[in-house]
Amino acid sequence: MPPSFHPRIMSAALNSCTPLRATFKINLNGNAVSISTVGEAYQAITSPGSVEWMEFRSLHQNAVTSLQDAAGDAMLTVQATNALRALFARAKLL
């Protein structure tokens, strides 16, 4: 099983209350969403049906990995925030 899909890592990222370095206000499926924690961001980009990320596969995988890392080490929230910003900007969600 690839490390990015390990259930314990996924759970830690999904349940993380670690604040990001920025709050993202985006529209997902017609709903305004405010994302300010690692867990909120992880849920937004990994939930089925949110956005089709295949077009942005590399940026998406980088963001997922960065969020998983930040869930385990709050010092990595800068990288996670930057990865999310790049993904959301490329997907024209910002």
N, C-alpha and C. Protein backbone atom coordinates (compact mmCIF):
# COMPACT_ATOMS: atom_id res chain seq x y z
N MET A 1 0.85 -1.17 0.00
CA MET A 1 0.00 0.00 0.00
C MET A 1 0.90 1.24 0.00
N PRO A 2 0.72 2.18 -0.93
CA PRO A 2 1.56 3.37 -0.96
C PRO A 2 1.41 4.16 0.34
N PRO A 3 2.50 4.83 0.80
CA PRO A 3 2.45 5.54 2.06
C PRO A 3 1.35 6.60 2.11
N SER A 4 1.03 7.24 1.00
CA SER A 4 0.04 8.30 1.01
C SER A 4 -1.38 7.77 1.23
N PHE A 5 -1.58 6.45 1.14
CA PHE A 5 -2.90 5.88 1.32
C PHE A 5 -2.98 4.98 2.55
N HIS A 6 -2.01 5.08 3.42
CA HIS A 6 -2.04 4.30 4.65
C HIS A 6 -3.17 4.82 5.53
N PRO A 7 -4.05 3.97 6.01
CA PRO A 7 -5.23 4.42 6.78
C PRO A 7 -4.88 5.29 7.98
N ARG A 8 -3.83 4.97 8.71
CA ARG A 8 -3.47 5.76 9.89
C ARG A 8 -3.01 7.15 9.51
N ILE A 9 -2.26 7.28 8.42
CA ILE A 9 -1.80 8.58 7.94
C ILE A 9 -3.00 9.39 7.46
N MET A 10 -3.89 8.74 6.73
CA MET A 10 -5.09 9.42 6.23
C MET A 10 -5.93 9.94 7.39
N SER A 11 -6.11 9.12 8.41
CA SER A 11 -6.91 9.50 9.56
C SER A 11 -6.27 10.67 10.30
N ALA A 12 -4.97 10.64 10.46
CA ALA A 12 -4.27 11.74 11.15
C ALA A 12 -4.45 13.04 10.38
N ALA A 13 -4.33 12.99 9.07
CA ALA A 13 -4.49 14.20 8.26
C ALA A 13 -5.93 14.68 8.29
N LEU A 14 -6.87 13.79 8.18
CA LEU A 14 -8.29 14.15 8.14
C LEU A 14 -8.75 14.76 9.46
N ASN A 15 -8.21 14.29 10.56
CA ASN A 15 -8.62 14.75 11.88
C ASN A 15 -7.75 15.87 12.44
N SER A 16 -6.78 16.32 11.68
CA SER A 16 -5.84 17.33 12.17
C SER A 16 -6.48 18.71 12.28
N CYS A 17 -6.27 19.34 13.42
CA CYS A 17 -6.74 20.72 13.65
C CYS A 17 -5.60 21.71 13.51
N THR A 18 -4.47 21.26 13.00
CA THR A 18 -3.32 22.13 12.81
C THR A 18 -3.67 23.24 11.84
N PRO A 19 -3.50 24.50 12.25
CA PRO A 19 -3.86 25.60 11.35
C PRO A 19 -2.88 25.74 10.19
N LEU A 20 -3.42 26.07 9.03
CA LEU A 20 -2.59 26.39 7.87
C LEU A 20 -2.07 27.81 8.04
N ARG A 21 -1.16 28.23 7.20
CA ARG A 21 -0.61 29.59 7.27
C ARG A 21 -1.52 30.60 6.59
N ALA A 22 -2.57 30.14 5.94
CA ALA A 22 -3.53 31.02 5.27
C ALA A 22 -4.89 30.34 5.32
N THR A 23 -5.94 31.13 5.24
CA THR A 23 -7.29 30.59 5.12
C THR A 23 -7.71 30.74 3.67
N PHE A 24 -8.14 29.65 3.08
CA PHE A 24 -8.57 29.65 1.68
C PHE A 24 -10.09 29.70 1.64
N LYS A 25 -10.62 30.62 0.87
CA LYS A 25 -12.07 30.71 0.65
C LYS A 25 -12.31 30.38 -0.81
N ILE A 26 -12.85 29.18 -1.03
CA ILE A 26 -13.04 28.69 -2.39
C ILE A 26 -14.47 28.21 -2.57
N ASN A 27 -14.86 28.00 -3.81
CA ASN A 27 -16.15 27.41 -4.14
C ASN A 27 -15.93 25.97 -4.59
N LEU A 28 -16.53 25.04 -3.86
CA LEU A 28 -16.48 23.63 -4.23
C LEU A 28 -17.90 23.17 -4.48
N ASN A 29 -18.16 22.72 -5.68
CA ASN A 29 -19.48 22.23 -6.05
C ASN A 29 -20.58 23.25 -5.75
N GLY A 30 -20.29 24.50 -6.01
CA GLY A 30 -21.29 25.55 -5.81
C GLY A 30 -21.44 26.02 -4.38
N ASN A 31 -20.66 25.48 -3.47
CA ASN A 31 -20.73 25.88 -2.06
C ASN A 31 -19.48 26.65 -1.68
N ALA A 32 -19.64 27.77 -1.01
CA ALA A 32 -18.51 28.52 -0.49
C ALA A 32 -17.93 27.76 0.69
N VAL A 33 -16.63 27.52 0.66
CA VAL A 33 -15.96 26.76 1.70
C VAL A 33 -14.78 27.56 2.20
N SER A 34 -14.63 27.58 3.52
CA SER A 34 -13.47 28.22 4.13
C SER A 34 -12.58 27.11 4.68
N ILE A 35 -11.32 27.13 4.27
CA ILE A 35 -10.38 26.09 4.68
C ILE A 35 -9.25 26.74 5.46
N SER A 36 -9.13 26.35 6.73
CA SER A 36 -8.10 26.97 7.56
C SER A 36 -7.25 25.96 8.33
N THR A 37 -7.62 24.68 8.28
CA THR A 37 -6.81 23.67 8.98
C THR A 37 -6.38 22.57 8.02
N VAL A 38 -5.41 21.81 8.46
CA VAL A 38 -4.92 20.67 7.67
C VAL A 38 -6.06 19.70 7.41
N GLY A 39 -6.86 19.39 8.42
CA GLY A 39 -7.97 18.45 8.27
C GLY A 39 -9.02 18.92 7.28
N GLU A 40 -9.38 20.21 7.34
CA GLU A 40 -10.36 20.75 6.40
C GLU A 40 -9.83 20.68 4.97
N ALA A 41 -8.56 21.01 4.80
CA ALA A 41 -7.96 20.98 3.47
C ALA A 41 -7.89 19.55 2.94
N TYR A 42 -7.48 18.63 3.81
CA TYR A 42 -7.37 17.23 3.40
C TYR A 42 -8.73 16.69 2.97
N GLN A 43 -9.75 17.01 3.74
CA GLN A 43 -11.10 16.55 3.39
C GLN A 43 -11.55 17.16 2.07
N ALA A 44 -11.28 18.44 1.87
CA ALA A 44 -11.71 19.12 0.65
C ALA A 44 -11.09 18.53 -0.60
N ILE A 45 -9.82 18.13 -0.52
CA ILE A 45 -9.16 17.65 -1.74
C ILE A 45 -9.16 16.13 -1.89
N THR A 46 -9.67 15.42 -0.88
CA THR A 46 -9.71 13.95 -1.01
C THR A 46 -11.12 13.39 -1.02
N SER A 47 -12.13 14.20 -0.73
CA SER A 47 -13.51 13.71 -0.72
C SER A 47 -13.97 13.42 -2.15
N PRO A 48 -14.59 12.27 -2.34
CA PRO A 48 -15.12 11.97 -3.67
C PRO A 48 -16.16 13.00 -4.09
N GLY A 49 -16.10 13.38 -5.34
CA GLY A 49 -17.10 14.29 -5.88
C GLY A 49 -16.81 15.76 -5.68
N SER A 50 -15.72 16.11 -4.99
CA SER A 50 -15.47 17.54 -4.81
C SER A 50 -15.05 18.15 -6.14
N VAL A 51 -13.86 17.89 -6.57
CA VAL A 51 -13.36 18.42 -7.84
C VAL A 51 -12.63 17.28 -8.52
N GLU A 52 -12.68 17.21 -9.81
CA GLU A 52 -11.92 16.19 -10.54
C GLU A 52 -10.47 16.65 -10.60
N TRP A 53 -9.62 16.02 -9.81
CA TRP A 53 -8.23 16.45 -9.68
C TRP A 53 -7.30 15.79 -10.70
N MET A 54 -7.80 14.87 -11.54
CA MET A 54 -6.92 14.16 -12.48
C MET A 54 -6.13 15.12 -13.37
N GLU A 55 -6.75 16.21 -13.75
CA GLU A 55 -6.07 17.18 -14.60
C GLU A 55 -4.88 17.82 -13.88
N PHE A 56 -4.94 17.82 -12.56
CA PHE A 56 -3.90 18.45 -11.74
C PHE A 56 -3.22 17.41 -10.86
N ARG A 57 -3.05 16.22 -11.41
CA ARG A 57 -2.59 15.06 -10.66
C ARG A 57 -1.33 15.31 -9.83
N SER A 58 -0.31 15.88 -10.43
CA SER A 58 0.95 16.12 -9.74
C SER A 58 0.78 17.12 -8.59
N LEU A 59 0.09 18.22 -8.87
CA LEU A 59 -0.14 19.22 -7.82
C LEU A 59 -1.02 18.65 -6.71
N HIS A 60 -2.01 17.85 -7.08
CA HIS A 60 -2.90 17.23 -6.10
C HIS A 60 -2.11 16.28 -5.19
N GLN A 61 -1.30 15.43 -5.78
CA GLN A 61 -0.52 14.48 -4.98
C GLN A 61 0.44 15.21 -4.07
N ASN A 62 1.05 16.28 -4.56
CA ASN A 62 1.96 17.07 -3.73
C ASN A 62 1.21 17.67 -2.54
N ALA A 63 0.00 18.19 -2.78
CA ALA A 63 -0.79 18.78 -1.70
C ALA A 63 -1.21 17.72 -0.68
N VAL A 64 -1.64 16.56 -1.14
CA VAL A 64 -2.04 15.48 -0.24
C VAL A 64 -0.86 15.06 0.64
N THR A 65 0.27 14.84 0.04
CA THR A 65 1.47 14.44 0.78
C THR A 65 1.89 15.52 1.77
N SER A 66 1.85 16.77 1.34
CA SER A 66 2.23 17.88 2.22
C SER A 66 1.29 17.99 3.41
N LEU A 67 0.00 17.78 3.18
CA LEU A 67 -0.96 17.83 4.29
C LEU A 67 -0.75 16.67 5.26
N GLN A 68 -0.45 15.50 4.73
CA GLN A 68 -0.18 14.35 5.60
C GLN A 68 1.07 14.62 6.45
N ASP A 69 2.07 15.20 5.83
CA ASP A 69 3.30 15.53 6.57
C ASP A 69 3.03 16.58 7.64
N ALA A 70 2.24 17.60 7.30
CA ALA A 70 1.93 18.67 8.24
C ALA A 70 1.07 18.18 9.40
N ALA A 71 0.27 17.15 9.16
CA ALA A 71 -0.53 16.59 10.25
C ALA A 71 0.36 15.98 11.33
N GLY A 72 1.53 15.50 10.93
CA GLY A 72 2.46 14.91 11.87
C GLY A 72 3.50 15.88 12.39
N ASP A 73 3.68 17.01 11.73
CA ASP A 73 4.69 17.99 12.12
C ASP A 73 4.21 19.38 11.71
N ALA A 74 3.74 20.16 12.67
CA ALA A 74 3.16 21.47 12.39
C ALA A 74 4.14 22.43 11.72
N MET A 75 5.42 22.16 11.82
CA MET A 75 6.41 23.02 11.17
C MET A 75 6.31 22.92 9.65
N LEU A 76 5.63 21.91 9.15
CA LEU A 76 5.51 21.71 7.71
C LEU A 76 4.25 22.34 7.13
N THR A 77 3.54 23.17 7.92
CA THR A 77 2.34 23.80 7.40
C THR A 77 2.63 24.84 6.32
N VAL A 78 3.83 25.41 6.33
CA VAL A 78 4.18 26.37 5.27
C VAL A 78 4.19 25.66 3.92
N GLN A 79 4.83 24.50 3.86
CA GLN A 79 4.87 23.73 2.61
C GLN A 79 3.48 23.27 2.21
N ALA A 80 2.67 22.84 3.18
CA ALA A 80 1.31 22.40 2.87
C ALA A 80 0.48 23.56 2.34
N THR A 81 0.60 24.72 2.96
CA THR A 81 -0.14 25.90 2.51
C THR A 81 0.27 26.27 1.10
N ASN A 82 1.56 26.25 0.82
CA ASN A 82 2.04 26.57 -0.53
C ASN A 82 1.56 25.56 -1.56
N ALA A 83 1.54 24.28 -1.19
CA ALA A 83 1.08 23.24 -2.11
C ALA A 83 -0.42 23.43 -2.41
N LEU A 84 -1.20 23.76 -1.39
CA LEU A 84 -2.63 24.01 -1.60
C LEU A 84 -2.85 25.24 -2.47
N ARG A 85 -2.09 26.28 -2.21
CA ARG A 85 -2.22 27.51 -3.00
C ARG A 85 -1.95 27.23 -4.47
N ALA A 86 -0.91 26.46 -4.75
CA ALA A 86 -0.57 26.12 -6.13
C ALA A 86 -1.69 25.30 -6.78
N LEU A 87 -2.22 24.32 -6.05
CA LEU A 87 -3.30 23.48 -6.58
C LEU A 87 -4.56 24.29 -6.83
N PHE A 88 -4.97 25.07 -5.85
CA PHE A 88 -6.20 25.85 -5.99
C PHE A 88 -6.07 26.91 -7.08
N ALA A 89 -4.91 27.53 -7.19
CA ALA A 89 -4.70 28.54 -8.23
C ALA A 89 -4.76 27.91 -9.61
N ARG A 90 -4.10 26.78 -9.78
CA ARG A 90 -4.08 26.09 -11.08
C ARG A 90 -5.47 25.61 -11.47
N ALA A 91 -6.26 25.20 -10.46
CA ALA A 91 -7.62 24.72 -10.71
C ALA A 91 -8.61 25.90 -10.80
N LYS A 92 -8.09 27.11 -10.69
CA LYS A 92 -8.88 28.34 -10.77
C LYS A 92 -9.99 28.37 -9.71
N LEU A 93 -9.64 27.92 -8.51
CA LEU A 93 -10.57 27.95 -7.39
C LEU A 93 -10.33 29.16 -6.50
N LEU A 94 -9.20 29.82 -6.68
CA LEU A 94 -8.90 31.03 -5.89
C LEU A 94 -9.34 32.27 -6.61
